[in-house]
Amino acid sequence: MVELTGETTVHTLTPGLAALPATALSDQGIIATAAADDPASRGQRRFAPR
């Protein structure tokens, strides 16, 4: 899977499709990161602790 690294990745997509999918992926990344950092959710993590 290709990781979005910021605005530069968005500009490689077609303009009509750039805004919404990139925002959705960014939001999911933020939520996933917050969940991974939340001690209450560590029991449900799929990956081994770092």
PDB file of N, CA and C in Angstrom:
ATOM      1  N   MET A   1       0.843  -1.199   0.000  1.00  0.00           N
ATOM      2  CA  MET A   1       0.000   0.000   0.000  1.00  0.00           C
ATOM      3  C   MET A   1       0.880   1.251   0.000  1.00  0.00           C
ATOM      4  N   VAL A   2       0.443   2.239  -0.720  1.00  0.00           N
ATOM      5  CA  VAL A   2       1.201   3.491  -0.801  1.00  0.00           C
ATOM      6  C   VAL A   2       0.762   4.407   0.330  1.00  0.00           C
ATOM      7  N   GLU A   3       1.714   4.959   1.031  1.00  0.00           N
ATOM      8  CA  GLU A   3       1.384   5.863   2.122  1.00  0.00           C
ATOM      9  C   GLU A   3       1.330   7.294   1.605  1.00  0.00           C
ATOM     10  N   LEU A   4       0.311   8.036   2.031  1.00  0.00           N
ATOM     11  CA  LEU A   4       0.243   9.444   1.674  1.00  0.00           C
ATOM     12  C   LEU A   4       1.175  10.213   2.599  1.00  0.00           C
ATOM     13  N   THR A   5       2.021  11.031   2.009  1.00  0.00           N
ATOM     14  CA  THR A   5       2.985  11.756   2.835  1.00  0.00           C
ATOM     15  C   THR A   5       2.657  13.241   2.927  1.00  0.00           C
ATOM     16  N   GLY A   6       1.605  13.682   2.268  1.00  0.00           N
ATOM     17  CA  GLY A   6       1.245  15.091   2.352  1.00  0.00           C
ATOM     18  C   GLY A   6       0.706  15.624   1.050  1.00  0.00           C
ATOM     19  N   GLU A   7       0.798  16.931   0.876  1.00  0.00           N
ATOM     20  CA  GLU A   7       0.223  17.598  -0.283  1.00  0.00           C
ATOM     21  C   GLU A   7       0.817  17.094  -1.599  1.00  0.00           C
ATOM     22  N   THR A   8       2.077  16.742  -1.610  1.00  0.00           N
ATOM     23  CA  THR A   8       2.715  16.336  -2.867  1.00  0.00           C
ATOM     24  C   THR A   8       2.038  15.105  -3.440  1.00  0.00           C
ATOM     25  N   THR A   9       1.627  14.175  -2.581  1.00  0.00           N
ATOM     26  CA  THR A   9       0.952  12.969  -3.055  1.00  0.00           C
ATOM     27  C   THR A   9      -0.410  13.319  -3.643  1.00  0.00           C
ATOM     28  N   VAL A  10      -1.106  14.243  -3.004  1.00  0.00           N
ATOM     29  CA  VAL A  10      -2.431  14.644  -3.470  1.00  0.00           C
ATOM     30  C   VAL A  10      -2.358  15.185  -4.894  1.00  0.00           C
ATOM     31  N   HIS A  11      -1.321  15.937  -5.203  1.00  0.00           N
ATOM     32  CA  HIS A  11      -1.218  16.554  -6.513  1.00  0.00           C
ATOM     33  C   HIS A  11      -0.901  15.562  -7.625  1.00  0.00           C
ATOM     34  N   THR A  12      -0.504  14.341  -7.274  1.00  0.00           N
ATOM     35  CA  THR A  12      -0.257  13.344  -8.307  1.00  0.00           C
ATOM     36  C   THR A  12      -1.562  12.700  -8.765  1.00  0.00           C
ATOM     37  N   LEU A  13      -2.637  12.909  -8.016  1.00  0.00           N
ATOM     38  CA  LEU A  13      -3.938  12.364  -8.382  1.00  0.00           C
ATOM     39  C   LEU A  13      -4.671  13.340  -9.293  1.00  0.00           C
ATOM     40  N   THR A  14      -5.750  12.852  -9.922  1.00  0.00           N
ATOM     41  CA  THR A  14      -6.543  13.763 -10.738  1.00  0.00           C
ATOM     42  C   THR A  14      -7.233  14.766  -9.811  1.00  0.00           C
ATOM     43  N   PRO A  15      -7.328  16.036 -10.220  1.00  0.00           N
ATOM     44  CA  PRO A  15      -7.867  17.084  -9.352  1.00  0.00           C
ATOM     45  C   PRO A  15      -9.247  16.764  -8.781  1.00  0.00           C
ATOM     46  N   GLY A  16     -10.103  16.151  -9.580  1.00  0.00           N
ATOM     47  CA  GLY A  16     -11.456  15.874  -9.114  1.00  0.00           C
ATOM     48  C   GLY A  16     -11.493  14.857  -7.988  1.00  0.00           C
ATOM     49  N   LEU A  17     -10.513  13.939  -7.965  1.00  0.00           N
ATOM     50  CA  LEU A  17     -10.511  12.883  -6.966  1.00  0.00           C
ATOM     51  C   LEU A  17      -9.601  13.187  -5.786  1.00  0.00           C
ATOM     52  N   ALA A  18      -8.805  14.238  -5.893  1.00  0.00           N
ATOM     53  CA  ALA A  18      -7.747  14.474  -4.906  1.00  0.00           C
ATOM     54  C   ALA A  18      -8.277  14.796  -3.511  1.00  0.00           C
ATOM     55  N   ALA A  19      -9.207  15.735  -3.415  1.00  0.00           N
ATOM     56  CA  ALA A  19      -9.561  16.284  -2.110  1.00  0.00           C
ATOM     57  C   ALA A  19     -10.194  15.267  -1.159  1.00  0.00           C
ATOM     58  N   LEU A  20     -11.257  14.620  -1.594  1.00  0.00           N
ATOM     59  CA  LEU A  20     -12.007  13.783  -0.660  1.00  0.00           C
ATOM     60  C   LEU A  20     -11.256  12.531  -0.208  1.00  0.00           C
ATOM     61  N   PRO A  21     -10.739  11.698  -1.121  1.00  0.00           N
ATOM     62  CA  PRO A  21     -10.043  10.487  -0.675  1.00  0.00           C
ATOM     63  C   PRO A  21      -8.833  10.798   0.205  1.00  0.00           C
ATOM     64  N   ALA A  22      -8.077  11.825  -0.158  1.00  0.00           N
ATOM     65  CA  ALA A  22      -6.895  12.167   0.633  1.00  0.00           C
ATOM     66  C   ALA A  22      -7.299  12.578   2.048  1.00  0.00           C
ATOM     67  N   THR A  23      -8.390  13.331   2.154  1.00  0.00           N
ATOM     68  CA  THR A  23      -8.866  13.757   3.472  1.00  0.00           C
ATOM     69  C   THR A  23      -9.347  12.555   4.270  1.00  0.00           C
ATOM     70  N   ALA A  24     -10.060  11.648   3.609  1.00  0.00           N
ATOM     71  CA  ALA A  24     -10.572  10.463   4.302  1.00  0.00           C
ATOM     72  C   ALA A  24      -9.415   9.609   4.808  1.00  0.00           C
ATOM     73  N   LEU A  25      -8.390   9.422   3.975  1.00  0.00           N
ATOM     74  CA  LEU A  25      -7.249   8.616   4.394  1.00  0.00           C
ATOM     75  C   LEU A  25      -6.495   9.281   5.528  1.00  0.00           C
ATOM     76  N   SER A  26      -6.362  10.610   5.455  1.00  0.00           N
ATOM     77  CA  SER A  26      -5.671  11.333   6.523  1.00  0.00           C
ATOM     78  C   SER A  26      -6.438  11.200   7.837  1.00  0.00           C
ATOM     79  N   ASP A  27      -7.763  11.319   7.768  1.00  0.00           N
ATOM     80  CA  ASP A  27      -8.566  11.196   8.978  1.00  0.00           C
ATOM     81  C   ASP A  27      -8.430   9.805   9.572  1.00  0.00           C
ATOM     82  N   GLN A  28      -8.441   8.776   8.729  1.00  0.00           N
ATOM     83  CA  GLN A  28      -8.296   7.411   9.220  1.00  0.00           C
ATOM     84  C   GLN A  28      -6.930   7.227   9.867  1.00  0.00           C
ATOM     85  N   GLY A  29      -5.892   7.814   9.266  1.00  0.00           N
ATOM     86  CA  GLY A  29      -4.553   7.713   9.828  1.00  0.00           C
ATOM     87  C   GLY A  29      -4.459   8.362  11.196  1.00  0.00           C
ATOM     88  N   ILE A  30      -5.103   9.521  11.325  1.00  0.00           N
ATOM     89  CA  ILE A  30      -5.095  10.225  12.611  1.00  0.00           C
ATOM     90  C   ILE A  30      -5.835   9.405  13.660  1.00  0.00           C
ATOM     91  N   ILE A  31      -6.985   8.860  13.276  1.00  0.00           N
ATOM     92  CA  ILE A  31      -7.772   8.057  14.218  1.00  0.00           C
ATOM     93  C   ILE A  31      -7.005   6.793  14.604  1.00  0.00           C
ATOM     94  N   ALA A  32      -6.379   6.140  13.623  1.00  0.00           N
ATOM     95  CA  ALA A  32      -5.629   4.917  13.903  1.00  0.00           C
ATOM     96  C   ALA A  32      -4.453   5.208  14.828  1.00  0.00           C
ATOM     97  N   THR A  33      -3.785   6.330  14.586  1.00  0.00           N
ATOM     98  CA  THR A  33      -2.647   6.695  15.430  1.00  0.00           C
ATOM     99  C   THR A  33      -3.106   6.993  16.854  1.00  0.00           C
ATOM    100  N   ALA A  34      -4.206   7.711  16.977  1.00  0.00           N
ATOM    101  CA  ALA A  34      -4.718   8.043  18.301  1.00  0.00           C
ATOM    102  C   ALA A  34      -5.126   6.777  19.050  1.00  0.00           C
ATOM    103  N   ALA A  35      -5.746   5.840  18.354  1.00  0.00           N
ATOM    104  CA  ALA A  35      -6.168   4.589  18.988  1.00  0.00           C
ATOM    105  C   ALA A  35      -4.953   3.777  19.427  1.00  0.00           C
ATOM    106  N   ALA A  36      -3.912   3.762  18.601  1.00  0.00           N
ATOM    107  CA  ALA A  36      -2.709   3.005  18.937  1.00  0.00           C
ATOM    108  C   ALA A  36      -2.010   3.594  20.158  1.00  0.00           C
ATOM    109  N   ASP A  37      -2.118   4.903  20.331  1.00  0.00           N
ATOM    110  CA  ASP A  37      -1.468   5.563  21.463  1.00  0.00           C
ATOM    111  C   ASP A  37      -2.330   5.540  22.725  1.00  0.00           C
ATOM    112  N   ASP A  38      -3.588   5.098  22.582  1.00  0.00           N
ATOM    113  CA  ASP A  38      -4.502   5.087  23.715  1.00  0.00           C
ATOM    114  C   ASP A  38      -4.300   3.808  24.529  1.00  0.00           C
ATOM    115  N   PRO A  39      -3.873   3.922  25.789  1.00  0.00           N
ATOM    116  CA  PRO A  39      -3.628   2.732  26.620  1.00  0.00           C
ATOM    117  C   PRO A  39      -4.844   1.820  26.718  1.00  0.00           C
ATOM    118  N   ALA A  40      -6.040   2.380  26.680  1.00  0.00           N
ATOM    119  CA  ALA A  40      -7.258   1.586  26.825  1.00  0.00           C
ATOM    120  C   ALA A  40      -7.475   0.657  25.633  1.00  0.00           C
ATOM    121  N   SER A  41      -6.882   0.982  24.477  1.00  0.00           N
ATOM    122  CA  SER A  41      -7.122   0.175  23.284  1.00  0.00           C
ATOM    123  C   SER A  41      -5.964  -0.782  22.976  1.00  0.00           C
ATOM    124  N   ARG A  42      -4.960  -0.807  23.825  1.00  0.00           N
ATOM    125  CA  ARG A  42      -3.789  -1.636  23.522  1.00  0.00           C
ATOM    126  C   ARG A  42      -4.120  -3.115  23.455  1.00  0.00           C
ATOM    127  N   GLY A  43      -5.123  -3.546  24.179  1.00  0.00           N
ATOM    128  CA  GLY A  43      -5.489  -4.963  24.151  1.00  0.00           C
ATOM    129  C   GLY A  43      -6.045  -5.393  22.810  1.00  0.00           C
ATOM    130  N   GLN A  44      -6.474  -4.441  21.999  1.00  0.00           N
ATOM    131  CA  GLN A  44      -7.079  -4.772  20.711  1.00  0.00           C
ATOM    132  C   GLN A  44      -6.149  -4.487  19.544  1.00  0.00           C
ATOM    133  N   ARG A  45      -4.902  -4.139  19.814  1.00  0.00           N
ATOM    134  CA  ARG A  45      -3.964  -3.836  18.729  1.00  0.00           C
ATOM    135  C   ARG A  45      -3.634  -5.099  17.947  1.00  0.00           C
ATOM    136  N   ARG A  46      -3.522  -4.969  16.626  1.00  0.00           N
ATOM    137  CA  ARG A  46      -3.218  -6.114  15.784  1.00  0.00           C
ATOM    138  C   ARG A  46      -1.720  -6.347  15.642  1.00  0.00           C
ATOM    139  N   PHE A  47      -0.921  -5.343  15.953  1.00  0.00           N
ATOM    140  CA  PHE A  47       0.513  -5.453  15.755  1.00  0.00           C
ATOM    141  C   PHE A  47       1.231  -5.517  17.096  1.00  0.00           C
ATOM    142  N   ALA A  48       2.381  -6.140  17.102  1.00  0.00           N
ATOM    143  CA  ALA A  48       3.158  -6.251  18.335  1.00  0.00           C
ATOM    144  C   ALA A  48       3.622  -4.864  18.781  1.00  0.00           C
ATOM    145  N   PRO A  49       3.721  -4.651  20.077  1.00  0.00           N
ATOM    146  CA  PRO A  49       4.217  -3.358  20.586  1.00  0.00           C
ATOM    147  C   PRO A  49       5.619  -3.075  20.074  1.00  0.00           C
ATOM    148  N   ARG A  50       5.918  -1.806  19.895  1.00  0.00           N
ATOM    149  CA  ARG A  50       7.242  -1.450  19.390  1.00  0.00           C
ATOM    150  C   ARG A  50       8.278  -1.581  20.488  1.00  0.00           C
TER     151      ARG A  50
END
